[in-house]
C-alpha atoms as a PDB file:
ATOM      1  CA  ILE A   1     137.764-131.530  43.218  1.00  0.00           C
ATOM      2  CA  LEU A   2     135.558-130.032  40.151  1.00  0.00           C
ATOM      3  CA  CYS A   3     135.436-133.132  38.314  1.00  0.00           C
ATOM      4  CA  VAL A   4     134.161-134.720  41.491  1.00  0.00           C
ATOM      5  CA  SER A   5     132.146-132.146  42.293  1.00  0.00           C
ATOM      6  CA  LEU A   6     129.579-132.137  38.936  1.00  0.00           C
ATOM      7  CA  THR A   7     129.874-136.269  39.184  1.00  0.00           C
ATOM      8  CA  ALA A   8     127.734-135.675  42.825  1.00  0.00           C
ATOM      9  CA  PHE A   9     125.997-133.134  41.355  1.00  0.00           C
ATOM     10  CA  PHE A  10     124.994-135.778  38.293  1.00  0.00           C
ATOM     11  CA  ALA A  11     124.544-138.462  40.904  1.00  0.00           C
ATOM     12  CA  ASN A  12     122.189-136.783  42.580  1.00  0.00           C
ATOM     13  CA  LYS A  13     119.648-135.312  39.465  1.00  0.00           C
ATOM     14  CA  VAL A  14     119.504-139.045  39.918  1.00  0.00           C
ATOM     15  CA  GLU A  15     118.407-139.468  42.874  1.00  0.00           C
ATOM     16  CA  HIS A  16     116.583-137.222  43.544  1.00  0.00           C
ATOM     17  CA  GLU A  17     114.903-138.304  39.996  1.00  0.00           C
ATOM     18  CA  SER A  18     113.934-141.212  40.853  1.00  0.00           C
ATOM     19  CA  LYS A  19     112.846-140.396  44.785  1.00  0.00           C
ATOM     20  CA  HIS A  20     109.662-138.211  42.435  1.00  0.00           C
ATOM     21  CA  CYS A  21     108.862-141.914  40.190  1.00  0.00           C
ATOM     22  CA  ASN A  22     106.671-145.255  41.225  1.00  0.00           C
ATOM     23  CA  GLY A  23     108.589-147.735  41.941  1.00  0.00           C
ATOM     24  CA  LYS A  24     111.509-149.774  44.077  1.00  0.00           C
ATOM     25  CA  GLY A  25     115.511-149.410  42.099  1.00  0.00           C
ATOM     26  CA  PHE A  26     116.104-148.329  38.718  1.00  0.00           C
ATOM     27  CA  GLN A  27     114.235-150.459  36.624  1.00  0.00           C
ATOM     28  CA  ARG A  28     110.871-147.516  35.674  1.00  0.00           C
ATOM     29  CA  LEU A  29     109.048-148.428  32.979  1.00  0.00           C
ATOM     30  CA  GLY A  30     107.100-145.297  31.679  1.00  0.00           C
ATOM     31  CA  SER A  31     109.559-142.482  33.922  1.00  0.00           C
ATOM     32  CA  SER A  32     111.125-141.056  30.050  1.00  0.00           C
ATOM     33  CA  ALA A  33     112.313-137.961  33.199  1.00  0.00           C
ATOM     34  CA  PHE A  34     114.766-140.851  34.790  1.00  0.00           C
ATOM     35  CA  ASP A  35     115.075-142.204  31.986  1.00  0.00           C
ATOM     36  CA  ARG A  36     116.978-138.903  30.792  1.00  0.00           C
ATOM     37  CA  VAL A  37     118.704-138.508  33.666  1.00  0.00           C
ATOM     38  CA  TYR A  38     120.120-141.880  33.520  1.00  0.00           C
ATOM     39  CA  THR A  39     121.079-141.865  30.131  1.00  0.00           C
ATOM     40  CA  ALA A  40     122.962-138.345  30.666  1.00  0.00           C
ATOM     41  CA  ASN A  41     124.606-139.444  33.925  1.00  0.00           C
ATOM     42  CA  GLN A  42     126.116-142.415  32.550  1.00  0.00           C
ATOM     43  CA  ASN A  43     126.914-140.889  28.956  1.00  0.00           C
ATOM     44  CA  CYS A  44     129.145-138.199  31.628  1.00  0.00           C
ATOM     45  CA  GLY A  45     130.031-141.294  33.860  1.00  0.00           C
ATOM     46  CA  HIS A  46     131.847-142.747  30.469  1.00  0.00           C
ATOM     47  CA  THR A  47     133.674-139.916  29.192  1.00  0.00           C
ATOM     48  CA  TYR A  48     136.115-139.163  32.261  1.00  0.00           C
ATOM     49  CA  PRO A  49     138.896-141.873  31.858  1.00  0.00           C
ATOM     50  CA  THR A  50     139.420-140.648  28.341  1.00  0.00           C
ATOM     51  CA  PHE A  51     139.414-136.657  29.560  1.00  0.00           C
ATOM     52  CA  LEU A  52     142.003-137.325  32.381  1.00  0.00           C
ATOM     53  CA  ALA A  53     144.171-139.406  30.604  1.00  0.00           C
ATOM     54  CA  VAL A  54     144.153-137.023  27.743  1.00  0.00           C
ATOM     55  CA  LEU A  55     144.518-134.057  30.312  1.00  0.00           C
ATOM     56  CA  TRP A  56     146.967-135.076  32.611  1.00  0.00           C
ATOM     57  CA  CYS A  57     149.019-135.423  28.897  1.00  0.00           C
ATOM     58  CA  ALA A  58     148.850-132.872  27.779  1.00  0.00           C
ATOM     59  CA  GLY A  59     149.099-130.661  31.143  1.00  0.00           C
ATOM     60  CA  LEU A  60     152.580-132.625  31.835  1.00  0.00           C
ATOM     61  CA  LEU A  61     154.626-133.646  27.946  1.00  0.00           C
ATOM     62  CA  CYS A  62     153.188-130.105  26.903  1.00  0.00           C
ATOM     63  CA  SER A  63     151.856-127.051  28.352  1.00  0.00           C
ATOM     64  CA  GLN A  64     150.489-126.585  32.304  1.00  0.00           C
ATOM     65  CA  ALA A  65     148.163-123.887  31.315  1.00  0.00           C
ATOM     66  CA  PRO A  66     146.111-124.339  28.339  1.00  0.00           C
ATOM     67  CA  ALA A  67     145.611-127.199  29.214  1.00  0.00           C
ATOM     68  CA  ALA A  68     144.083-126.548  32.546  1.00  0.00           C
ATOM     69  CA  PHE A  69     141.801-124.033  30.578  1.00  0.00           C
ATOM     70  CA  ALA A  70     140.765-126.741  28.433  1.00  0.00           C
ATOM     71  CA  GLY A  71     140.126-128.735  31.209  1.00  0.00           C
ATOM     72  CA  LEU A  72     137.658-126.490  33.222  1.00  0.00           C
ATOM     73  CA  MET A  73     136.074-125.564  28.827  1.00  0.00           C
ATOM     74  CA  TYR A  74     135.374-129.558  29.391  1.00  0.00           C
ATOM     75  CA  LEU A  75     133.667-129.256  32.909  1.00  0.00           C
ATOM     76  CA  PHE A  76     131.735-126.448  31.991  1.00  0.00           C
ATOM     77  CA  VAL A  77     130.163-127.867  28.883  1.00  0.00           C
ATOM     78  CA  ARG A  78     129.834-131.308  29.830  1.00  0.00           C
ATOM     79  CA  GLN A  79     126.971-129.288  32.522  1.00  0.00           C
ATOM     80  CA  LYS A  80     125.393-128.078  29.536  1.00  0.00           C
ATOM     81  CA  TYR A  81     125.821-131.392  27.722  1.00  0.00           C
ATOM     82  CA  PHE A  82     124.009-132.719  31.246  1.00  0.00           C
ATOM     83  CA  VAL A  83     121.170-129.552  31.510  1.00  0.00           C
ATOM     84  CA  GLY A  84     120.885-130.338  27.795  1.00  0.00           C
ATOM     85  CA  TYR A  85     119.958-133.943  28.126  1.00  0.00           C
ATOM     86  CA  LEU A  86     117.184-133.157  30.316  1.00  0.00           C
ATOM     87  CA  GLY A  87     115.464-131.321  27.711  1.00  0.00           C
ATOM     88  CA  GLU A  88     115.080-132.630  24.558  1.00  0.00           C
ATOM     89  CA  ARG A  89     118.346-134.715  23.034  1.00  0.00           C
ATOM     90  CA  THR A  90     118.757-132.696  20.076  1.00  0.00           C
ATOM     91  CA  GLN A  91     119.698-129.460  23.099  1.00  0.00           C
ATOM     92  CA  SER A  92     122.361-131.729  24.268  1.00  0.00           C
ATOM     93  CA  THR A  93     124.377-131.677  20.827  1.00  0.00           C
ATOM     94  CA  PRO A  94     125.878-128.293  21.229  1.00  0.00           C
ATOM     95  CA  GLY A  95     127.158-129.511  24.683  1.00  0.00           C
ATOM     96  CA  TYR A  96     128.016-133.198  22.462  1.00  0.00           C
ATOM     97  CA  LEU A  97     130.462-131.817  20.037  1.00  0.00           C
ATOM     98  CA  PHE A  98     131.606-129.094  21.707  1.00  0.00           C
ATOM     99  CA  GLY A  99     133.021-131.403  24.648  1.00  0.00           C
ATOM    100  CA  LYS A 100     134.625-133.381  21.198  1.00  0.00           C
ATOM    101  CA  ARG A 101     136.831-130.511  19.998  1.00  0.00           C
ATOM    102  CA  ILE A 102     138.202-130.043  23.741  1.00  0.00           C
ATOM    103  CA  ILE A 103     138.627-133.640  23.763  1.00  0.00           C
ATOM    104  CA  LEU A 104     140.687-133.347  20.446  1.00  0.00           C
ATOM    105  CA  PHE A 105     142.935-130.810  21.724  1.00  0.00           C
ATOM    106  CA  LEU A 106     143.846-132.141  24.242  1.00  0.00           C
ATOM    107  CA  PHE A 107     144.807-135.371  22.458  1.00  0.00           C
ATOM    108  CA  LEU A 108     146.647-132.784  20.163  1.00  0.00           C
ATOM    109  CA  MET A 109     148.634-131.106  22.807  1.00  0.00           C
ATOM    110  CA  SER A 110     149.787-134.749  23.941  1.00  0.00           C
ATOM    111  CA  VAL A 111     151.110-135.459  20.557  1.00  0.00           C
ATOM    112  CA  ALA A 112     152.563-132.876  20.456  1.00  0.00           C
ATOM    113  CA  GLY A 113     153.973-132.963  23.442  1.00  0.00           C
ATOM    114  CA  ILE A 114     155.105-136.553  22.378  1.00  0.00           C
ATOM    115  CA  LEU A 115     156.296-135.647  19.366  1.00  0.00           C
ATOM    116  CA  ASN A 116     158.571-132.768  20.791  1.00  0.00           C
ATOM    117  CA  TYR A 117     160.384-136.036  22.673  1.00  0.00           C
ATOM    118  CA  TYR A 118     160.911-137.360  20.169  1.00  0.00           C
ATOM    119  CA  LEU A 119     162.411-135.016  18.766  1.00  0.00           C
ATOM    120  CA  ILE A 120     165.112-133.586  21.778  1.00  0.00           C
ATOM    121  CA  PHE A 121     165.932-137.712  21.774  1.00  0.00           C
ATOM    122  CA  PHE A 122     166.891-138.594  18.314  1.00  0.00           C
ATOM    123  CA  PHE A 123     167.867-135.045  17.185  1.00  0.00           C
ATOM    124  CA  GLY A 124     168.696-132.763  19.598  1.00  0.00           C
ATOM    125  CA  SER A 125     165.943-130.676  18.630  1.00  0.00           C
ATOM    126  CA  ASP A 126     163.354-128.719  21.759  1.00  0.00           C
ATOM    127  CA  PHE A 127     160.436-126.809  19.657  1.00  0.00           C
ATOM    128  CA  GLU A 128     158.397-126.443  23.728  1.00  0.00           C
ATOM    129  CA  MET A 129     158.922-123.180  23.419  1.00  0.00           C
ATOM    130  CA  HIS A 130     156.989-122.738  19.902  1.00  0.00           C
ATOM    131  CA  ILE A 131     154.093-125.796  21.385  1.00  0.00           C
ATOM    132  CA  LYS A 132     153.388-123.484  23.904  1.00  0.00           C
ATOM    133  CA  THR A 133     153.232-120.979  21.904  1.00  0.00           C
ATOM    134  CA  ILE A 134     151.092-122.027  19.862  1.00  0.00           C
ATOM    135  CA  THR A 135     148.824-123.823  21.898  1.00  0.00           C
ATOM    136  CA  SER A 136     148.070-120.451  23.942  1.00  0.00           C
ATOM    137  CA  ALA A 137     147.428-119.044  21.595  1.00  0.00           C
ATOM    138  CA  ILE A 138     144.625-121.592  20.126  1.00  0.00           C
ATOM    139  CA  SER A 139     143.277-122.612  23.505  1.00  0.00           C
ATOM    140  CA  PRO A 140     141.147-118.809  23.180  1.00  0.00           C
ATOM    141  CA  LEU A 141     139.582-120.686  20.143  1.00  0.00           C
ATOM    142  CA  LEU A 142     137.667-123.170  21.835  1.00  0.00           C
ATOM    143  CA  LEU A 143     135.823-120.483  23.796  1.00  0.00           C
ATOM    144  CA  ILE A 144     134.423-120.272  20.548  1.00  0.00           C
ATOM    145  CA  PRO A 145     131.049-122.690  19.718  1.00  0.00           C
END
């Protein structure tokens, strides 16, 4: 629901900026404000499939609470990226880098869950509690910029 709300907010910003520019359609030459809003919306839209895939895998295969926390942080970071992109493109860089770090965390959680599954399957060793403890301890570190 939050992901859809954020996407609707981005689309609303594009529509609002589109109405304030002269011309019809999306071919507006010389409108840097519209170009920035449209590009920021496209960039955010292109990352959501990857985000949803790693979020789902991390929550299913590893631990739900740290994955949910990282997911909420990622949505906040994408909002920061979008707003930063509206000002200067250099203002969006911190949000972009922070988002990459969160996606990496979710990816590593997914890999840890897959490795644990194979350790159980082949060797009978279950490290699920250790992995959950580690991810729960590391997830607050995502707050550090």
